[in-house]
Amino acid sequence: MKVAGLLLAAGRSTRFGAADKLAALLDGRPLLDHAAAAMRELDLAARFVVRPAGAVPCPGFVGLAVERSQAGLGHSLAVGTRAARLAGADAVLVALGDMPFVTSAHLAAVVAAGWGTDVLVASTDGAAPTPPALIGADWFPQLEALDADEGARPLLRQARLVRAPAGTLRDIDTPADLARQQDAGPKDNSSS
């Protein structure tokens, strides 16, 4: 099965303020680099990152520019899914650029939890289903039609769930979130 990685990194980040949240440093590296590093460790058919037009390139990923990042997560997911479909992917592994604690081991577990073009797998920490998620090509038309900020949340409610290790699914939404993580010490998002 050909799985394309899709890293969504075009959000408005309104709670973070005027600064580029994904360029903010966590343990000396841009926030986005943590999420990208975990996905780079997987053997995927392709890797795409959805960013605002003019954003700094993300090594190892094909950049997909969105002109209207204010259109929300659904629009970014539609843009990325379209690229994955055109690349011949059977499924997309969707991850979020502001989730720096997701490990390559967890991404691999999500991919291993399903097979086929009808696959639908999401992560959980005991709460609602969330990315990282594996979504098969049978769902691509539905994803490509998205344009709201909700993204694939309704679809993920139907997904098979993979339990993430504690703390893995934390995201960074505000400068205070980032400061708390800096105070907690270095993180390792590799395969361990």
Protein backbone atom coordinates (compact mmCIF):
# COMPACT_ATOMS: atom_id res chain seq x y z
CA MET A 1 0.00 0.00 0.00
CA LYS A 2 1.38 3.42 -0.98
CA VAL A 3 1.07 5.82 1.97
CA ALA A 4 1.78 9.51 1.54
CA GLY A 5 2.68 11.60 4.58
CA LEU A 6 0.74 14.83 4.92
CA LEU A 7 1.98 17.38 7.44
CA LEU A 8 -0.50 20.21 7.96
CA ALA A 9 1.26 23.46 8.83
CA ALA A 10 -0.83 26.29 7.38
CA GLY A 11 -3.03 27.17 10.34
CA ARG A 12 -3.81 30.72 11.37
CA SER A 13 -2.30 30.29 14.87
CA THR A 14 -4.42 33.14 16.20
CA ARG A 15 -3.86 32.13 19.84
CA PHE A 16 -0.09 32.32 19.39
CA GLY A 17 -0.07 35.98 18.38
CA ALA A 18 1.65 37.65 15.44
CA ALA A 19 4.76 35.44 15.41
CA ASP A 20 5.04 32.34 13.19
CA LYS A 21 4.22 29.61 15.71
CA LEU A 22 5.85 26.83 13.70
CA ALA A 23 9.13 28.78 13.51
CA ALA A 24 9.21 29.25 17.30
CA LEU A 25 12.03 27.31 18.92
CA LEU A 26 11.46 24.27 21.11
CA ASP A 27 14.68 22.77 22.44
CA GLY A 28 16.64 24.86 19.94
CA ARG A 29 14.72 23.69 16.85
CA PRO A 30 11.70 25.15 15.06
CA LEU A 31 8.46 23.62 16.29
CA LEU A 32 7.62 22.32 12.80
CA ASP A 33 10.95 20.50 12.60
CA HIS A 34 9.97 18.23 15.50
CA ALA A 35 6.85 17.00 13.71
CA ALA A 36 8.66 16.75 10.37
CA ALA A 37 11.56 14.76 11.86
CA ALA A 38 9.24 12.03 13.12
CA MET A 39 7.59 11.67 9.70
CA ARG A 40 10.94 11.67 7.87
CA GLU A 41 11.88 8.45 9.69
CA LEU A 42 9.06 6.51 8.02
CA ASP A 43 9.37 4.83 4.64
CA LEU A 44 6.56 6.67 2.85
CA ALA A 45 5.73 6.88 -0.86
CA ALA A 46 5.77 10.70 -0.65
CA ARG A 47 5.82 13.46 1.97
CA PHE A 48 3.88 16.71 1.61
CA VAL A 49 3.75 19.74 3.88
CA VAL A 50 0.93 22.26 3.51
CA ARG A 51 2.19 25.76 4.37
CA PRO A 52 1.17 29.34 3.68
CA ALA A 53 2.53 30.78 0.44
CA GLY A 54 6.08 32.05 0.94
CA ALA A 55 6.84 29.83 3.96
CA VAL A 56 10.34 28.47 4.50
CA PRO A 57 10.80 25.05 2.81
CA CYS A 58 10.68 21.91 4.94
CA PRO A 59 13.53 19.54 3.95
CA GLY A 60 12.36 16.10 2.83
CA PHE A 61 8.85 17.32 2.00
CA VAL A 62 7.18 18.62 -1.14
CA GLY A 63 5.76 22.00 -0.19
CA LEU A 64 2.15 22.76 -1.03
CA ALA A 65 1.31 26.44 -0.70
CA VAL A 66 -2.13 27.57 0.35
CA GLU A 67 -3.05 31.10 -0.56
CA ARG A 68 -5.94 31.18 1.89
CA SER A 69 -4.71 29.77 5.18
CA GLN A 70 -7.60 31.62 6.82
CA ALA A 71 -9.85 29.03 5.13
CA GLY A 72 -8.85 26.64 7.89
CA LEU A 73 -7.75 23.09 8.46
CA GLY A 74 -10.29 21.60 6.05
CA HIS A 75 -8.90 23.59 3.14
CA SER A 76 -5.33 22.52 3.98
CA LEU A 77 -6.41 18.90 4.23
CA ALA A 78 -8.16 19.15 0.84
CA VAL A 79 -5.04 20.63 -0.80
CA GLY A 80 -2.78 17.93 0.66
CA THR A 81 -5.15 15.06 -0.12
CA ARG A 82 -5.45 16.20 -3.73
CA ALA A 83 -1.65 16.11 -4.07
CA ALA A 84 -1.50 12.65 -2.49
CA ARG A 85 -4.18 11.36 -4.87
CA LEU A 86 -2.33 12.77 -7.88
CA ALA A 87 0.83 11.05 -6.61
CA GLY A 88 -1.00 7.70 -6.63
CA ALA A 89 -1.30 7.25 -2.86
CA ASP A 90 -3.60 4.57 -1.47
CA ALA A 91 -3.79 6.40 1.88
CA VAL A 92 -2.57 9.54 3.63
CA LEU A 93 -0.91 9.70 7.02
CA VAL A 94 -2.06 13.06 8.38
CA ALA A 95 -0.05 14.79 11.12
CA LEU A 96 -0.14 18.32 12.51
CA GLY A 97 2.82 20.67 12.55
CA ASP A 98 2.07 21.93 16.07
CA MET A 99 2.26 18.47 17.68
CA PRO A 100 6.02 18.19 18.36
CA PHE A 101 5.85 15.17 20.69
CA VAL A 102 4.48 12.64 18.19
CA THR A 103 7.15 10.00 17.65
CA SER A 104 7.99 8.04 14.56
CA ALA A 105 7.07 4.92 16.56
CA HIS A 106 3.54 6.24 17.06
CA LEU A 107 3.24 7.21 13.39
CA ALA A 108 4.36 3.68 12.45
CA ALA A 109 1.77 2.20 14.84
CA VAL A 110 -0.98 4.24 13.15
CA VAL A 111 0.11 3.03 9.72
CA ALA A 112 0.34 -0.58 10.93
CA ALA A 113 -3.19 -0.48 12.38
CA GLY A 114 -4.96 -0.57 9.03
CA TRP A 115 -4.68 -1.63 5.43
CA GLY A 116 -6.46 -0.90 2.18
CA THR A 117 -8.10 2.04 0.50
CA ASP A 118 -10.99 2.02 2.99
CA VAL A 119 -8.72 2.31 6.04
CA LEU A 120 -9.61 4.85 8.73
CA VAL A 121 -7.35 4.99 11.79
CA ALA A 122 -6.92 7.82 14.30
CA SER A 123 -4.90 8.47 17.44
CA THR A 124 -6.31 8.89 20.93
CA ASP A 125 -5.09 9.65 24.41
CA GLY A 126 -8.38 8.49 25.86
CA ALA A 127 -10.28 11.57 24.68
CA ALA A 128 -11.54 12.36 21.18
CA PRO A 129 -10.00 10.82 18.05
CA THR A 130 -7.30 13.05 16.58
CA PRO A 131 -4.41 13.07 14.13
CA PRO A 132 -2.07 11.50 13.47
CA ALA A 133 -4.52 9.59 11.35
CA LEU A 134 -4.37 7.18 8.42
CA ILE A 135 -7.11 7.77 5.85
CA GLY A 136 -7.56 5.55 2.81
CA ALA A 137 -8.18 6.69 -0.75
CA ASP A 138 -11.88 5.70 -0.59
CA TRP A 139 -12.27 8.76 1.68
CA PHE A 140 -10.26 11.14 -0.54
CA PRO A 141 -13.32 12.66 -2.32
CA GLN A 142 -14.77 13.55 1.08
CA LEU A 143 -11.45 15.08 2.21
CA GLU A 144 -10.98 17.01 -1.03
CA ALA A 145 -14.41 18.59 -0.56
CA LEU A 146 -13.51 20.04 2.87
CA ASP A 147 -13.21 23.78 3.33
CA ALA A 148 -14.07 24.42 6.99
CA ASP A 149 -11.87 24.70 10.04
CA GLU A 150 -13.21 21.45 11.51
CA GLY A 151 -11.19 19.31 9.13
CA ALA A 152 -11.77 15.56 9.25
CA ARG A 153 -13.02 15.47 12.85
CA PRO A 154 -16.47 14.02 11.93
CA LEU A 155 -14.82 11.34 9.80
CA LEU A 156 -12.36 10.40 12.54
CA ARG A 157 -15.23 9.64 14.92
CA GLN A 158 -15.69 6.45 12.83
CA ALA A 159 -12.00 5.48 12.94
CA ARG A 160 -10.25 2.58 14.56
CA LEU A 161 -8.24 4.09 17.43
CA VAL A 162 -4.57 3.69 18.30
CA ARG A 163 -3.70 4.69 21.84
CA ALA A 164 -0.81 7.17 21.98
CA PRO A 165 1.70 7.16 24.83
CA ALA A 166 1.01 9.79 27.50
CA GLY A 167 1.89 13.30 26.38
CA THR A 168 2.41 12.36 22.73
CA LEU A 169 -0.63 14.22 21.41
CA ARG A 170 0.02 17.54 23.18
CA ASP A 171 0.04 20.51 20.85
CA ILE A 172 1.40 24.01 21.12
CA ASP A 173 -1.29 26.67 20.73
CA THR A 174 -0.04 29.63 22.79
CA PRO A 175 3.29 31.16 23.86
CA ALA A 176 2.47 29.90 27.38
CA ASP A 177 2.19 26.31 26.03
CA LEU A 178 5.61 26.69 24.47
CA ALA A 179 7.12 28.17 27.64
CA ARG A 180 5.78 25.26 29.74
CA GLN A 181 7.41 22.77 27.36
CA GLN A 182 10.72 24.68 27.44
CA ASP A 183 10.63 24.48 31.24
CA ALA A 184 9.97 20.73 31.12
CA GLY A 185 13.33 20.05 29.43
CA PRO A 186 14.42 18.42 26.15
CA LYS A 187 12.10 16.10 24.27
CA ASP A 188 12.95 13.25 21.92
CA ASN A 189 10.50 12.64 19.07
CA SER A 190 12.51 9.89 17.44
CA SER A 191 11.47 6.28 17.34
CA SER A 192 11.67 5.72 21.08
